[in-house]
Amino acid sequence: MPSRIGIIAGRGDFPLKVANYLKSSGEEIFVLPIKNSAKKELSDFPHKWIRLGQIGLGIKTLKRNHCKDIVIIGGVDVPNLWLLWPDFGSLKLYLRLIALKIKGDAAIIKEVINFLEKDYDFKVIGAENFLQEAVMPKGFMSGANLNEYHIIDIKLAKVNCKEIGLKDMGQACVVSEGSLIMSEDLKGTDAMLQKIIENKTKFKKKGVLVKLMKPQQDIRVDMPTIGLKTLLQVKEIGLAGIALEAGKALVSDREDVIEFAKKNNIFIYGFERDEFI
């Protein structure tokens, strides 16, 4: 049997888009959708549904279906590890995760990749290779210019994002008029923005949301992402726009995001790594 590309699929549209892209490209695929996270449409492909605690079963299934290269795409909500009823393969991984000195997302993902590649001889490949239309381009996706206050805010946000990234705490922050408003923690960007909303803070077209890859982050998994929900929250807060690193962030619901941003005068800008230094 020819080799297949395996897809470990969590929530959101990206797993389905990767599967459709690979199928249309003539690739043989096999999908492991995660129960209570992945979209039911993934059942249209060769697949086996697994729960989060069945990593051992998932690995055996991928091997049995001749998967060498695998893509890990889509988030999952992780409860207490011991409530997952882990199988043996999961238990081996969980014991390693528990031993980590830093338990942020980047450290966990790096250990998961090492577990799959070194212990089981898989090769993890980045989903961005199959989602080029979703990769943040250089320059404006929406909007036409940045004023001096936007640039000051983006500069400060980049510095802060790097600091929290090095601590493996988060990827994003909100800055307005040269002041840090809030930084992302392990709960994620949506939770940070929701907290600002609950604080009833309004910016009246000032301030910016910036998301930046952690310095130690593996680009193959968990790239910074925005989608329509992000834009809805940004509008409610009243921010002027969003800035992401070009080539190192994903935009879900791209057409809807662009249409919404233009309609509500929200800029979306892709900066280069050495820009605004």
Protein backbone atom coordinates (compact mmCIF):
# COMPACT_ATOMS: atom_id res chain seq x y z
CA MET A 1 0.00 0.00 0.00
CA PRO A 2 1.39 3.49 -0.84
CA SER A 3 2.35 5.81 2.01
CA ARG A 4 -0.22 8.26 3.26
CA ILE A 5 -0.08 11.63 4.97
CA GLY A 6 -1.70 11.48 8.40
CA ILE A 7 -3.71 14.38 9.77
CA ILE A 8 -4.29 14.73 13.51
CA ALA A 9 -7.31 17.03 13.46
CA GLY A 10 -8.61 19.34 16.17
CA ARG A 11 -11.24 22.07 16.01
CA GLY A 12 -11.77 24.72 13.37
CA ASP A 13 -11.82 24.83 9.58
CA PHE A 14 -8.11 24.31 8.95
CA PRO A 15 -8.05 20.48 9.33
CA LEU A 16 -10.79 20.15 6.71
CA LYS A 17 -9.01 22.60 4.40
CA VAL A 18 -5.75 20.64 4.71
CA ALA A 19 -7.56 17.37 3.99
CA ASN A 20 -9.31 18.82 0.93
CA TYR A 21 -6.08 20.36 -0.38
CA LEU A 22 -4.15 17.11 -0.07
CA LYS A 23 -6.95 15.08 -1.65
CA SER A 24 -7.20 17.51 -4.59
CA SER A 25 -3.42 17.26 -5.00
CA GLY A 26 -3.67 13.50 -5.42
CA GLU A 27 -2.20 12.62 -2.01
CA GLU A 28 -3.39 9.62 -0.04
CA ILE A 29 -4.42 10.71 3.45
CA PHE A 30 -5.70 9.26 6.70
CA VAL A 31 -7.35 11.43 9.34
CA LEU A 32 -7.43 11.09 13.12
CA PRO A 33 -10.21 13.48 14.15
CA ILE A 34 -10.31 14.26 17.89
CA LYS A 35 -13.72 13.61 19.43
CA ASN A 36 -15.57 16.68 20.72
CA SER A 37 -13.20 18.95 18.78
CA ALA A 38 -12.92 18.09 15.08
CA LYS A 39 -15.62 18.72 12.46
CA LYS A 40 -17.86 15.80 11.53
CA GLU A 41 -17.15 16.42 7.80
CA LEU A 42 -13.75 14.79 8.32
CA SER A 43 -15.60 11.46 8.36
CA ASP A 44 -15.81 11.82 4.56
CA PHE A 45 -12.11 10.86 4.39
CA PRO A 46 -10.42 7.61 5.46
CA HIS A 47 -10.40 8.11 9.22
CA LYS A 48 -10.68 6.86 12.77
CA TRP A 49 -12.14 9.04 15.52
CA ILE A 50 -10.15 9.01 18.75
CA ARG A 51 -10.56 10.75 22.06
CA LEU A 52 -7.78 12.91 23.44
CA GLY A 53 -6.49 10.19 25.76
CA GLN A 54 -5.97 7.63 23.00
CA ILE A 55 -2.58 8.71 21.67
CA GLY A 56 -1.32 5.13 21.71
CA LEU A 57 -4.27 3.97 19.62
CA GLY A 58 -3.78 6.91 17.28
CA ILE A 59 -0.12 6.05 16.71
CA LYS A 60 -0.93 2.39 16.00
CA THR A 61 -3.67 3.46 13.59
CA LEU A 62 -1.35 5.82 11.70
CA LYS A 63 1.30 3.11 11.44
CA ARG A 64 -1.27 0.55 10.28
CA ASN A 65 -2.38 2.96 7.56
CA HIS A 66 1.19 3.55 6.33
CA CYS A 67 1.47 7.17 7.48
CA LYS A 68 5.02 8.48 7.68
CA ASP A 69 4.43 12.22 7.39
CA ILE A 70 1.82 13.76 9.68
CA VAL A 71 0.18 17.16 10.06
CA ILE A 72 -1.07 18.36 13.45
CA ILE A 73 -3.68 21.08 12.98
CA GLY A 74 -6.54 22.53 15.02
CA GLY A 75 -6.86 23.26 18.71
CA VAL A 76 -8.29 21.10 21.47
CA ASP A 77 -9.52 21.88 24.96
CA VAL A 78 -7.33 19.88 27.32
CA PRO A 79 -8.90 18.95 30.69
CA ASN A 80 -6.94 17.58 33.62
CA LEU A 81 -4.65 14.97 32.06
CA TRP A 82 -5.74 12.27 34.49
CA LEU A 83 -9.40 12.71 33.55
CA LEU A 84 -8.64 11.57 29.98
CA TRP A 85 -8.36 7.85 30.80
CA PRO A 86 -5.00 7.67 29.00
CA ASP A 87 -3.98 4.55 27.14
CA PHE A 88 -0.37 3.34 27.39
CA GLY A 89 0.94 5.56 24.60
CA SER A 90 -0.72 8.59 26.17
CA LEU A 91 0.64 7.74 29.59
CA LYS A 92 4.21 7.66 28.26
CA LEU A 93 3.75 11.13 26.80
CA TYR A 94 1.93 12.56 29.83
CA LEU A 95 4.73 11.50 32.16
CA ARG A 96 7.17 13.46 29.98
CA LEU A 97 4.89 16.50 29.95
CA ILE A 98 4.53 16.42 33.72
CA ALA A 99 8.34 16.42 34.00
CA LEU A 100 8.71 19.61 31.94
CA LYS A 101 10.10 22.55 33.91
CA ILE A 102 8.10 25.00 31.80
CA LYS A 103 4.61 23.85 30.85
CA GLY A 104 3.63 26.49 28.28
CA ASP A 105 2.22 25.59 24.88
CA ALA A 106 5.55 25.85 23.04
CA ALA A 107 7.31 23.50 25.46
CA ILE A 108 4.44 21.00 25.35
CA ILE A 109 4.25 21.06 21.56
CA LYS A 110 8.01 20.62 21.23
CA GLU A 111 7.86 17.57 23.51
CA VAL A 112 4.91 16.12 21.55
CA ILE A 113 6.85 16.54 18.28
CA ASN A 114 9.95 14.88 19.80
CA PHE A 115 7.76 12.04 21.06
CA LEU A 116 6.30 11.41 17.60
CA GLU A 117 9.50 11.88 15.61
CA LYS A 118 12.16 10.31 17.85
CA ASP A 119 10.13 7.55 19.46
CA TYR A 120 7.92 6.57 16.52
CA ASP A 121 9.80 7.75 13.44
CA PHE A 122 7.09 10.06 12.11
CA LYS A 123 7.94 13.31 10.35
CA VAL A 124 5.79 16.26 11.43
CA ILE A 125 5.18 18.73 8.60
CA GLY A 126 3.73 22.20 8.91
CA ALA A 127 0.10 22.76 7.92
CA GLU A 128 1.06 26.12 6.40
CA ASN A 129 2.51 24.18 3.46
CA PHE A 130 -1.07 23.32 2.50
CA LEU A 131 -2.75 26.55 3.64
CA GLN A 132 -0.88 29.17 1.62
CA GLU A 133 -4.05 31.18 1.06
CA ALA A 134 -4.40 31.49 4.85
CA VAL A 135 -0.81 32.60 5.55
CA MET A 136 -0.56 36.28 6.53
CA PRO A 137 1.04 38.25 3.68
CA LYS A 138 3.37 41.22 3.97
CA GLY A 139 1.63 44.58 4.14
CA PHE A 140 -2.05 45.43 4.42
CA MET A 141 -4.79 42.82 4.21
CA SER A 142 -7.17 45.59 5.20
CA GLY A 143 -6.49 49.31 5.61
CA ALA A 144 -4.04 51.52 3.78
CA ASN A 145 -1.70 53.19 6.26
CA LEU A 146 -0.40 53.25 9.82
CA ASN A 147 -0.12 56.52 11.72
CA GLU A 148 2.70 57.32 14.13
CA TYR A 149 0.65 56.16 17.13
CA HIS A 150 -0.05 52.77 15.54
CA ILE A 151 3.67 52.31 14.90
CA ILE A 152 4.56 53.20 18.50
CA ASP A 153 1.98 50.70 19.76
CA ILE A 154 3.19 47.93 17.44
CA LYS A 155 6.82 48.49 18.51
CA LEU A 156 5.90 48.19 22.20
CA ALA A 157 3.65 45.20 21.53
CA LYS A 158 6.42 43.33 19.67
CA VAL A 159 8.80 43.81 22.61
CA ASN A 160 6.17 42.63 25.10
CA CYS A 161 5.13 39.65 22.96
CA LYS A 162 8.75 38.54 22.75
CA GLU A 163 9.10 38.78 26.54
CA ILE A 164 5.98 36.75 27.31
CA GLY A 165 6.89 34.36 24.51
CA LEU A 166 10.30 33.64 26.03
CA LYS A 167 8.49 32.72 29.25
CA ASP A 168 6.13 30.52 27.17
CA MET A 169 3.14 32.41 28.54
CA GLY A 170 1.47 33.67 25.36
CA GLN A 171 1.71 35.09 21.84
CA ALA A 172 -0.40 38.25 21.95
CA CYS A 173 -1.00 41.56 23.68
CA VAL A 174 -3.04 44.73 23.33
CA VAL A 175 -1.32 48.13 23.39
CA SER A 176 -2.94 51.55 23.13
CA GLU A 177 -1.36 55.02 23.06
CA GLY A 178 2.00 53.66 24.15
CA SER A 179 0.65 51.69 27.13
CA LEU A 180 0.38 47.94 27.55
CA ILE A 181 -3.28 47.12 28.21
CA MET A 182 -3.13 43.34 28.61
CA SER A 183 -0.96 40.34 27.72
CA GLU A 184 -2.13 36.89 26.72
CA ASP A 185 -1.69 34.06 29.20
CA LEU A 186 -2.13 30.31 28.84
CA LYS A 187 -5.90 30.79 28.35
CA GLY A 188 -5.30 32.29 24.88
CA THR A 189 -6.12 35.35 22.82
CA ASP A 190 -9.91 35.03 22.91
CA ALA A 191 -9.86 34.92 26.72
CA MET A 192 -7.60 38.00 26.87
CA LEU A 193 -9.87 39.99 24.57
CA GLN A 194 -12.98 38.82 26.42
CA LYS A 195 -11.48 40.03 29.68
CA ILE A 196 -10.93 43.47 28.16
CA ILE A 197 -14.56 43.43 26.98
CA GLU A 198 -15.75 42.48 30.47
CA ASN A 199 -13.70 45.36 31.90
CA LYS A 200 -15.82 47.62 29.66
CA THR A 201 -12.70 49.20 28.19
CA LYS A 202 -13.31 51.06 24.91
CA PHE A 203 -10.54 52.48 22.72
CA LYS A 204 -12.45 54.44 20.05
CA LYS A 205 -10.23 53.40 17.10
CA LYS A 206 -7.00 53.53 19.06
CA GLY A 207 -4.73 50.68 20.00
CA VAL A 208 -3.69 47.45 18.35
CA LEU A 209 -3.75 43.69 18.88
CA VAL A 210 -0.40 42.09 18.03
CA LYS A 211 0.28 38.35 17.78
CA LEU A 212 3.84 37.07 17.45
CA MET A 213 5.36 33.60 17.39
CA LYS A 214 7.25 32.69 20.54
CA PRO A 215 11.04 32.74 19.92
CA GLN A 216 11.31 29.04 20.82
CA GLN A 217 8.11 27.98 19.06
CA ASP A 218 8.12 25.28 16.38
CA ILE A 219 6.54 26.85 13.30
CA ARG A 220 5.10 23.50 12.19
CA VAL A 221 2.43 23.51 14.90
CA ASP A 222 0.33 26.23 16.57
CA MET A 223 1.15 29.25 14.45
CA PRO A 224 -0.52 32.47 15.70
CA THR A 225 -4.02 32.62 14.22
CA ILE A 226 -6.85 35.10 13.91
CA GLY A 227 -10.36 34.58 12.58
CA LEU A 228 -13.74 36.24 12.41
CA LYS A 229 -14.26 35.83 16.17
CA THR A 230 -11.06 37.82 16.74
CA LEU A 231 -12.38 40.62 14.53
CA LEU A 232 -15.71 40.68 16.36
CA GLN A 233 -13.91 41.09 19.68
CA VAL A 234 -11.57 43.75 18.28
CA LYS A 235 -14.58 45.71 17.01
CA GLU A 236 -16.34 45.48 20.37
CA ILE A 237 -13.23 46.74 22.16
CA GLY A 238 -12.78 49.51 19.61
CA LEU A 239 -9.20 48.80 18.57
CA ALA A 240 -7.81 50.37 15.41
CA GLY A 241 -6.34 47.16 14.08
CA ILE A 242 -4.36 43.94 14.21
CA ALA A 243 -0.69 43.34 13.35
CA LEU A 244 0.81 39.91 12.65
CA GLU A 245 4.20 38.72 11.45
CA ALA A 246 4.08 38.12 7.71
CA GLY A 247 4.56 34.47 6.77
CA LYS A 248 4.27 33.31 10.39
CA ALA A 249 0.58 33.64 11.17
CA LEU A 250 -2.65 32.22 9.79
CA VAL A 251 -5.92 33.96 9.00
CA SER A 252 -8.99 31.75 9.22
CA ASP A 253 -12.19 32.71 7.38
CA ARG A 254 -9.98 34.96 5.23
CA GLU A 255 -12.65 36.41 2.93
CA ASP A 256 -15.08 37.05 5.79
CA VAL A 257 -12.30 38.57 7.89
CA ILE A 258 -11.25 40.97 5.12
CA GLU A 259 -14.84 41.98 4.37
CA PHE A 260 -15.60 42.59 8.06
CA ALA A 261 -12.36 44.52 8.62
CA LYS A 262 -12.97 46.80 5.66
CA LYS A 263 -16.60 47.39 6.61
CA ASN A 264 -15.61 48.35 10.16
CA ASN A 265 -12.43 50.27 9.30
CA ILE A 266 -10.10 47.86 11.11
CA PHE A 267 -6.60 47.51 9.67
CA ILE A 268 -4.86 44.13 9.42
CA TYR A 269 -1.15 44.49 8.77
CA GLY A 270 1.59 41.94 8.14
CA PHE A 271 4.96 43.18 9.38
CA GLU A 272 8.41 41.79 8.69
CA ARG A 273 10.52 40.46 11.54
CA ASP A 274 12.95 43.40 11.56
CA GLU A 275 10.27 46.05 10.95
CA PHE A 276 9.48 48.64 13.65
CA ILE A 277 12.73 48.06 15.55
